[in-house]
Each structure stands twice: as structure tokens, then as C-alpha cells.
Amino acid sequence: MIEGTESTKMKNSDKLIETIRRASGRMNFDEYAVATGLGKEFIFSILKGEIEEVDNETLRKLSLTQ
């Protein structure tokens, strides 16, 4: 990242996975997917480490802070 610029992307699949774990709490996977408004395949891709970068809007959805 260039100094003085603000990144709108979050990298690091471990942080994304932890965000999903905290936000999903006691929900089952289907409930969590509905609550986020994101597709199950997309969320699975994050959990498998295939997606390591999301924008701030997606991060808010994953953390359920809308």
C-alpha cells in the first residue's frame, strides 16, 4: 500500500474467517448466509481460504454490522 492512501480492501483469510466465526455465533450456516445476504458458495470460498480480500461493504455484511 502506498503511504498516505487508505485501503478499502481487507486482506488475510484468517481475519475473515475469525470475523465469520464471531458473527455467526450460534446460527447455523444457512441462517448466517441469509443474515449476511451473501451467497453460501462465496462464504465457503472464504472459509476454504480461496478468497483473502474483501471490500469494506462485504466485511460489514460478514460481521453483521449493517
PDB file of N, CA and C in Angstrom:
ATOM      1  N   MET A   1       0.850  -1.177   0.000  1.00  0.00           N
ATOM      2  CA  MET A   1       0.000   0.000   0.000  1.00  0.00           C
ATOM      3  C   MET A   1       0.892   1.235   0.000  1.00  0.00           C
ATOM      4  N   ILE A   2       0.505   2.240  -0.733  1.00  0.00           N
ATOM      5  CA  ILE A   2       1.250   3.480  -0.810  1.00  0.00           C
ATOM      6  C   ILE A   2       0.954   4.315   0.433  1.00  0.00           C
ATOM      7  N   GLU A   3       1.998   4.843   1.035  1.00  0.00           N
ATOM      8  CA  GLU A   3       1.815   5.647   2.238  1.00  0.00           C
ATOM      9  C   GLU A   3       0.913   6.840   1.942  1.00  0.00           C
ATOM     10  N   GLY A   4      -0.026   7.087   2.837  1.00  0.00           N
ATOM     11  CA  GLY A   4      -0.949   8.198   2.664  1.00  0.00           C
ATOM     12  C   GLY A   4      -2.234   7.823   1.957  1.00  0.00           C
ATOM     13  N   THR A   5      -2.320   6.589   1.478  1.00  0.00           N
ATOM     14  CA  THR A   5      -3.565   6.134   0.858  1.00  0.00           C
ATOM     15  C   THR A   5      -4.260   5.192   1.818  1.00  0.00           C
ATOM     16  N   GLU A   6      -5.551   5.124   1.697  1.00  0.00           N
ATOM     17  CA  GLU A   6      -6.319   4.260   2.576  1.00  0.00           C
ATOM     18  C   GLU A   6      -6.856   3.085   1.771  1.00  0.00           C
ATOM     19  N   SER A   7      -6.546   1.897   2.202  1.00  0.00           N
ATOM     20  CA  SER A   7      -7.013   0.706   1.509  1.00  0.00           C
ATOM     21  C   SER A   7      -8.465   0.447   1.852  1.00  0.00           C
ATOM     22  N   THR A   8      -9.263   0.134   0.837  1.00  0.00           N
ATOM     23  CA  THR A   8     -10.653  -0.226   1.082  1.00  0.00           C
ATOM     24  C   THR A   8     -10.826  -1.737   1.039  1.00  0.00           C
ATOM     25  N   LYS A   9      -9.736  -2.464   0.992  1.00  0.00           N
ATOM     26  CA  LYS A   9      -9.779  -3.922   0.960  1.00  0.00           C
ATOM     27  C   LYS A   9      -9.184  -4.485   2.233  1.00  0.00           C
ATOM     28  N   MET A  10      -9.743  -5.593   2.694  1.00  0.00           N
ATOM     29  CA  MET A  10      -9.173  -6.273   3.853  1.00  0.00           C
ATOM     30  C   MET A  10      -8.555  -7.569   3.345  1.00  0.00           C
ATOM     31  N   LYS A  11      -7.270  -7.762   3.608  1.00  0.00           N
ATOM     32  CA  LYS A  11      -6.586  -8.977   3.196  1.00  0.00           C
ATOM     33  C   LYS A  11      -6.337  -9.824   4.428  1.00  0.00           C
ATOM     34  N   ASN A  12      -6.181 -11.100   4.210  1.00  0.00           N
ATOM     35  CA  ASN A  12      -5.842 -12.046   5.261  1.00  0.00           C
ATOM     36  C   ASN A  12      -7.044 -12.922   5.569  1.00  0.00           C
ATOM     37  N   SER A  13      -7.001 -14.105   5.034  1.00  0.00           N
ATOM     38  CA  SER A  13      -8.121 -15.018   5.204  1.00  0.00           C
ATOM     39  C   SER A  13      -8.366 -15.380   6.671  1.00  0.00           C
ATOM     40  N   ASP A  14      -7.317 -15.401   7.505  1.00  0.00           N
ATOM     41  CA  ASP A  14      -7.519 -15.723   8.922  1.00  0.00           C
ATOM     42  C   ASP A  14      -8.413 -14.696   9.604  1.00  0.00           C
ATOM     43  N   LYS A  15      -8.218 -13.434   9.292  1.00  0.00           N
ATOM     44  CA  LYS A  15      -9.061 -12.387   9.878  1.00  0.00           C
ATOM     45  C   LYS A  15     -10.498 -12.510   9.384  1.00  0.00           C
ATOM     46  N   LEU A  16     -10.663 -12.837   8.111  1.00  0.00           N
ATOM     47  CA  LEU A  16     -12.011 -13.009   7.567  1.00  0.00           C
ATOM     48  C   LEU A  16     -12.717 -14.194   8.210  1.00  0.00           C
ATOM     49  N   ILE A  17     -11.995 -15.288   8.358  1.00  0.00           N
ATOM     50  CA  ILE A  17     -12.574 -16.484   8.976  1.00  0.00           C
ATOM     51  C   ILE A  17     -12.970 -16.193  10.422  1.00  0.00           C
ATOM     52  N   GLU A  18     -12.131 -15.492  11.159  1.00  0.00           N
ATOM     53  CA  GLU A  18     -12.460 -15.136  12.545  1.00  0.00           C
ATOM     54  C   GLU A  18     -13.685 -14.225  12.593  1.00  0.00           C
ATOM     55  N   THR A  19     -13.786 -13.307  11.656  1.00  0.00           N
ATOM     56  CA  THR A  19     -14.960 -12.434  11.575  1.00  0.00           C
ATOM     57  C   THR A  19     -16.221 -13.261  11.378  1.00  0.00           C
ATOM     58  N   ILE A  20     -16.168 -14.230  10.498  1.00  0.00           N
ATOM     59  CA  ILE A  20     -17.324 -15.099  10.240  1.00  0.00           C
ATOM     60  C   ILE A  20     -17.673 -15.893  11.494  1.00  0.00           C
ATOM     61  N   ARG A  21     -16.682 -16.448  12.153  1.00  0.00           N
ATOM     62  CA  ARG A  21     -16.932 -17.244  13.372  1.00  0.00           C
ATOM     63  C   ARG A  21     -17.600 -16.418  14.466  1.00  0.00           C
ATOM     64  N   ARG A  22     -17.079 -15.208  14.682  1.00  0.00           N
ATOM     65  CA  ARG A  22     -17.661 -14.348  15.723  1.00  0.00           C
ATOM     66  C   ARG A  22     -19.080 -13.929  15.369  1.00  0.00           C
ATOM     67  N   ALA A  23     -19.295 -13.544  14.129  1.00  0.00           N
ATOM     68  CA  ALA A  23     -20.599 -13.033  13.723  1.00  0.00           C
ATOM     69  C   ALA A  23     -21.659 -14.124  13.657  1.00  0.00           C
ATOM     70  N   SER A  24     -21.273 -15.315  13.255  1.00  0.00           N
ATOM     71  CA  SER A  24     -22.269 -16.379  13.091  1.00  0.00           C
ATOM     72  C   SER A  24     -22.717 -16.961  14.421  1.00  0.00           C
ATOM     73  N   GLY A  25     -21.864 -16.851  15.437  1.00  0.00           N
ATOM     74  CA  GLY A  25     -22.228 -17.283  16.786  1.00  0.00           C
ATOM     75  C   GLY A  25     -22.948 -18.612  16.843  1.00  0.00           C
ATOM     76  N   ARG A  26     -24.188 -18.568  17.225  1.00  0.00           N
ATOM     77  CA  ARG A  26     -24.970 -19.799  17.399  1.00  0.00           C
ATOM     78  C   ARG A  26     -25.862 -20.107  16.203  1.00  0.00           C
ATOM     79  N   MET A  27     -25.705 -19.368  15.134  1.00  0.00           N
ATOM     80  CA  MET A  27     -26.514 -19.618  13.935  1.00  0.00           C
ATOM     81  C   MET A  27     -25.969 -20.822  13.172  1.00  0.00           C
ATOM     82  N   ASN A  28     -26.851 -21.484  12.445  1.00  0.00           N
ATOM     83  CA  ASN A  28     -26.339 -22.480  11.520  1.00  0.00           C
ATOM     84  C   ASN A  28     -25.903 -21.751  10.254  1.00  0.00           C
ATOM     85  N   PHE A  29     -25.240 -22.455   9.377  1.00  0.00           N
ATOM     86  CA  PHE A  29     -24.654 -21.812   8.203  1.00  0.00           C
ATOM     87  C   PHE A  29     -25.711 -21.157   7.312  1.00  0.00           C
ATOM     88  N   ASP A  30     -26.839 -21.822   7.120  1.00  0.00           N
ATOM     89  CA  ASP A  30     -27.903 -21.260   6.279  1.00  0.00           C
ATOM     90  C   ASP A  30     -28.435 -19.958   6.857  1.00  0.00           C
ATOM     91  N   GLU A  31     -28.644 -19.913   8.159  1.00  0.00           N
ATOM     92  CA  GLU A  31     -29.125 -18.690   8.809  1.00  0.00           C
ATOM     93  C   GLU A  31     -28.119 -17.553   8.645  1.00  0.00           C
ATOM     94  N   TYR A  32     -26.847 -17.880   8.801  1.00  0.00           N
ATOM     95  CA  TYR A  32     -25.809 -16.865   8.662  1.00  0.00           C
ATOM     96  C   TYR A  32     -25.774 -16.316   7.235  1.00  0.00           C
ATOM     97  N   ALA A  33     -25.845 -17.192   6.247  1.00  0.00           N
ATOM     98  CA  ALA A  33     -25.826 -16.755   4.845  1.00  0.00           C
ATOM     99  C   ALA A  33     -27.001 -15.830   4.553  1.00  0.00           C
ATOM    100  N   VAL A  34     -28.189 -16.172   5.059  1.00  0.00           N
ATOM    101  CA  VAL A  34     -29.363 -15.322   4.860  1.00  0.00           C
ATOM    102  C   VAL A  34     -29.163 -13.978   5.560  1.00  0.00           C
ATOM    103  N   ALA A  35     -28.641 -14.005   6.783  1.00  0.00           N
ATOM    104  CA  ALA A  35     -28.447 -12.766   7.548  1.00  0.00           C
ATOM    105  C   ALA A  35     -27.453 -11.826   6.868  1.00  0.00           C
ATOM    106  N   THR A  36     -26.427 -12.378   6.232  1.00  0.00           N
ATOM    107  CA  THR A  36     -25.431 -11.541   5.565  1.00  0.00           C
ATOM    108  C   THR A  36     -25.913 -11.068   4.201  1.00  0.00           C
ATOM    109  N   GLY A  37     -26.789 -11.837   3.586  1.00  0.00           N
ATOM    110  CA  GLY A  37     -27.215 -11.523   2.224  1.00  0.00           C
ATOM    111  C   GLY A  37     -26.193 -11.958   1.185  1.00  0.00           C
ATOM    112  N   LEU A  38     -25.205 -12.738   1.605  1.00  0.00           N
ATOM    113  CA  LEU A  38     -24.164 -13.228   0.713  1.00  0.00           C
ATOM    114  C   LEU A  38     -24.422 -14.685   0.373  1.00  0.00           C
ATOM    115  N   GLY A  39     -23.941 -15.112  -0.764  1.00  0.00           N
ATOM    116  CA  GLY A  39     -24.130 -16.495  -1.183  1.00  0.00           C
ATOM    117  C   GLY A  39     -23.305 -17.470  -0.366  1.00  0.00           C
ATOM    118  N   LYS A  40     -23.853 -18.663  -0.177  1.00  0.00           N
ATOM    119  CA  LYS A  40     -23.142 -19.682   0.591  1.00  0.00           C
ATOM    120  C   LYS A  40     -21.821 -20.065  -0.065  1.00  0.00           C
ATOM    121  N   GLU A  41     -21.806 -20.143  -1.396  1.00  0.00           N
ATOM    122  CA  GLU A  41     -20.572 -20.510  -2.088  1.00  0.00           C
ATOM    123  C   GLU A  41     -19.477 -19.474  -1.845  1.00  0.00           C
ATOM    124  N   PHE A  42     -19.869 -18.189  -1.822  1.00  0.00           N
ATOM    125  CA  PHE A  42     -18.910 -17.119  -1.553  1.00  0.00           C
ATOM    126  C   PHE A  42     -18.341 -17.267  -0.142  1.00  0.00           C
ATOM    127  N   ILE A  43     -19.199 -17.514   0.831  1.00  0.00           N
ATOM    128  CA  ILE A  43     -18.747 -17.673   2.220  1.00  0.00           C
ATOM    129  C   ILE A  43     -17.868 -18.918   2.349  1.00  0.00           C
ATOM    130  N   PHE A  44     -18.249 -20.015   1.698  1.00  0.00           N
ATOM    131  CA  PHE A  44     -17.423 -21.226   1.713  1.00  0.00           C
ATOM    132  C   PHE A  44     -16.041 -20.944   1.128  1.00  0.00           C
ATOM    133  N   SER A  45     -15.985 -20.138   0.073  1.00  0.00           N
ATOM    134  CA  SER A  45     -14.700 -19.808  -0.544  1.00  0.00           C
ATOM    135  C   SER A  45     -13.798 -19.067   0.436  1.00  0.00           C
ATOM    136  N   ILE A  46     -14.381 -18.206   1.247  1.00  0.00           N
ATOM    137  CA  ILE A  46     -13.597 -17.515   2.283  1.00  0.00           C
ATOM    138  C   ILE A  46     -13.102 -18.523   3.314  1.00  0.00           C
ATOM    139  N   LEU A  47     -13.996 -19.395   3.764  1.00  0.00           N
ATOM    140  CA  LEU A  47     -13.629 -20.372   4.787  1.00  0.00           C
ATOM    141  C   LEU A  47     -12.560 -21.344   4.302  1.00  0.00           C
ATOM    142  N   LYS A  48     -12.533 -21.625   3.001  1.00  0.00           N
ATOM    143  CA  LYS A  48     -11.532 -22.518   2.430  1.00  0.00           C
ATOM    144  C   LYS A  48     -10.231 -21.776   2.128  1.00  0.00           C
ATOM    145  N   GLY A  49     -10.212 -20.464   2.334  1.00  0.00           N
ATOM    146  CA  GLY A  49      -9.014 -19.690   2.087  1.00  0.00           C
ATOM    147  C   GLY A  49      -8.823 -19.289   0.631  1.00  0.00           C
ATOM    148  N   GLU A  50      -9.825 -19.511  -0.189  1.00  0.00           N
ATOM    149  CA  GLU A  50      -9.732 -19.165  -1.604  1.00  0.00           C
ATOM    150  C   GLU A  50      -9.898 -17.666  -1.831  1.00  0.00           C
ATOM    151  N   ILE A  51     -10.614 -17.002  -0.939  1.00  0.00           N
ATOM    152  CA  ILE A  51     -10.795 -15.553  -1.012  1.00  0.00           C
ATOM    153  C   ILE A  51     -10.120 -14.954   0.211  1.00  0.00           C
ATOM    154  N   GLU A  52      -9.164 -14.069  -0.030  1.00  0.00           N
ATOM    155  CA  GLU A  52      -8.405 -13.461   1.063  1.00  0.00           C
ATOM    156  C   GLU A  52      -8.601 -11.963   1.149  1.00  0.00           C
ATOM    157  N   GLU A  53      -9.420 -11.408   0.280  1.00  0.00           N
ATOM    158  CA  GLU A  53      -9.577  -9.965   0.219  1.00  0.00           C
ATOM    159  C   GLU A  53     -11.032  -9.623  -0.079  1.00  0.00           C
ATOM    160  N   VAL A  54     -11.608  -8.749   0.741  1.00  0.00           N
ATOM    161  CA  VAL A  54     -12.976  -8.277   0.503  1.00  0.00           C
ATOM    162  C   VAL A  54     -13.012  -6.767   0.716  1.00  0.00           C
ATOM    163  N   ASP A  55     -14.002  -6.127   0.138  1.00  0.00           N
ATOM    164  CA  ASP A  55     -14.134  -4.688   0.343  1.00  0.00           C
ATOM    165  C   ASP A  55     -14.827  -4.415   1.679  1.00  0.00           C
ATOM    166  N   ASN A  56     -14.862  -3.159   2.069  1.00  0.00           N
ATOM    167  CA  ASN A  56     -15.426  -2.796   3.366  1.00  0.00           C
ATOM    168  C   ASN A  56     -16.908  -3.143   3.479  1.00  0.00           C
ATOM    169  N   GLU A  57     -17.663  -2.992   2.407  1.00  0.00           N
ATOM    170  CA  GLU A  57     -19.091  -3.328   2.420  1.00  0.00           C
ATOM    171  C   GLU A  57     -19.296  -4.814   2.704  1.00  0.00           C
ATOM    172  N   THR A  58     -18.528  -5.663   2.058  1.00  0.00           N
ATOM    173  CA  THR A  58     -18.630  -7.106   2.288  1.00  0.00           C
ATOM    174  C   THR A  58     -18.202  -7.456   3.706  1.00  0.00           C
ATOM    175  N   LEU A  59     -17.169  -6.794   4.196  1.00  0.00           N
ATOM    176  CA  LEU A  59     -16.722  -7.039   5.584  1.00  0.00           C
ATOM    177  C   LEU A  59     -17.837  -6.685   6.563  1.00  0.00           C
ATOM    178  N   ARG A  60     -18.530  -5.582   6.329  1.00  0.00           N
ATOM    179  CA  ARG A  60     -19.656  -5.220   7.205  1.00  0.00           C
ATOM    180  C   ARG A  60     -20.748  -6.287   7.171  1.00  0.00           C
ATOM    181  N   LYS A  61     -21.006  -6.820   5.988  1.00  0.00           N
ATOM    182  CA  LYS A  61     -22.007  -7.885   5.876  1.00  0.00           C
ATOM    183  C   LYS A  61     -21.552  -9.134   6.613  1.00  0.00           C
ATOM    184  N   LEU A  62     -20.304  -9.512   6.444  1.00  0.00           N
ATOM    185  CA  LEU A  62     -19.781 -10.701   7.121  1.00  0.00           C
ATOM    186  C   LEU A  62     -19.820 -10.556   8.636  1.00  0.00           C
ATOM    187  N   SER A  63     -19.587  -9.354   9.131  1.00  0.00           N
ATOM    188  CA  SER A  63     -19.578  -9.135  10.573  1.00  0.00           C
ATOM    189  C   SER A  63     -20.971  -8.810  11.119  1.00  0.00           C
ATOM    190  N   LEU A  64     -21.949  -8.734  10.228  1.00  0.00           N
ATOM    191  CA  LEU A  64     -23.352  -8.448  10.581  1.00  0.00           C
ATOM    192  C   LEU A  64     -23.508  -7.085  11.265  1.00  0.00           C
ATOM    193  N   THR A  65     -22.707  -6.126  10.851  1.00  0.00           N
ATOM    194  CA  THR A  65     -22.837  -4.758  11.358  1.00  0.00           C
ATOM    195  C   THR A  65     -23.315  -3.849  10.238  1.00  0.00           C
ATOM    196  N   GLN A  66     -24.585  -4.004   9.904  1.00  0.00           N
ATOM    197  CA  GLN A  66     -25.135  -3.254   8.767  1.00  0.00           C
ATOM    198  C   GLN A  66     -25.871  -2.046   9.202  1.00  0.00           C
TER     199      GLN A  66
END
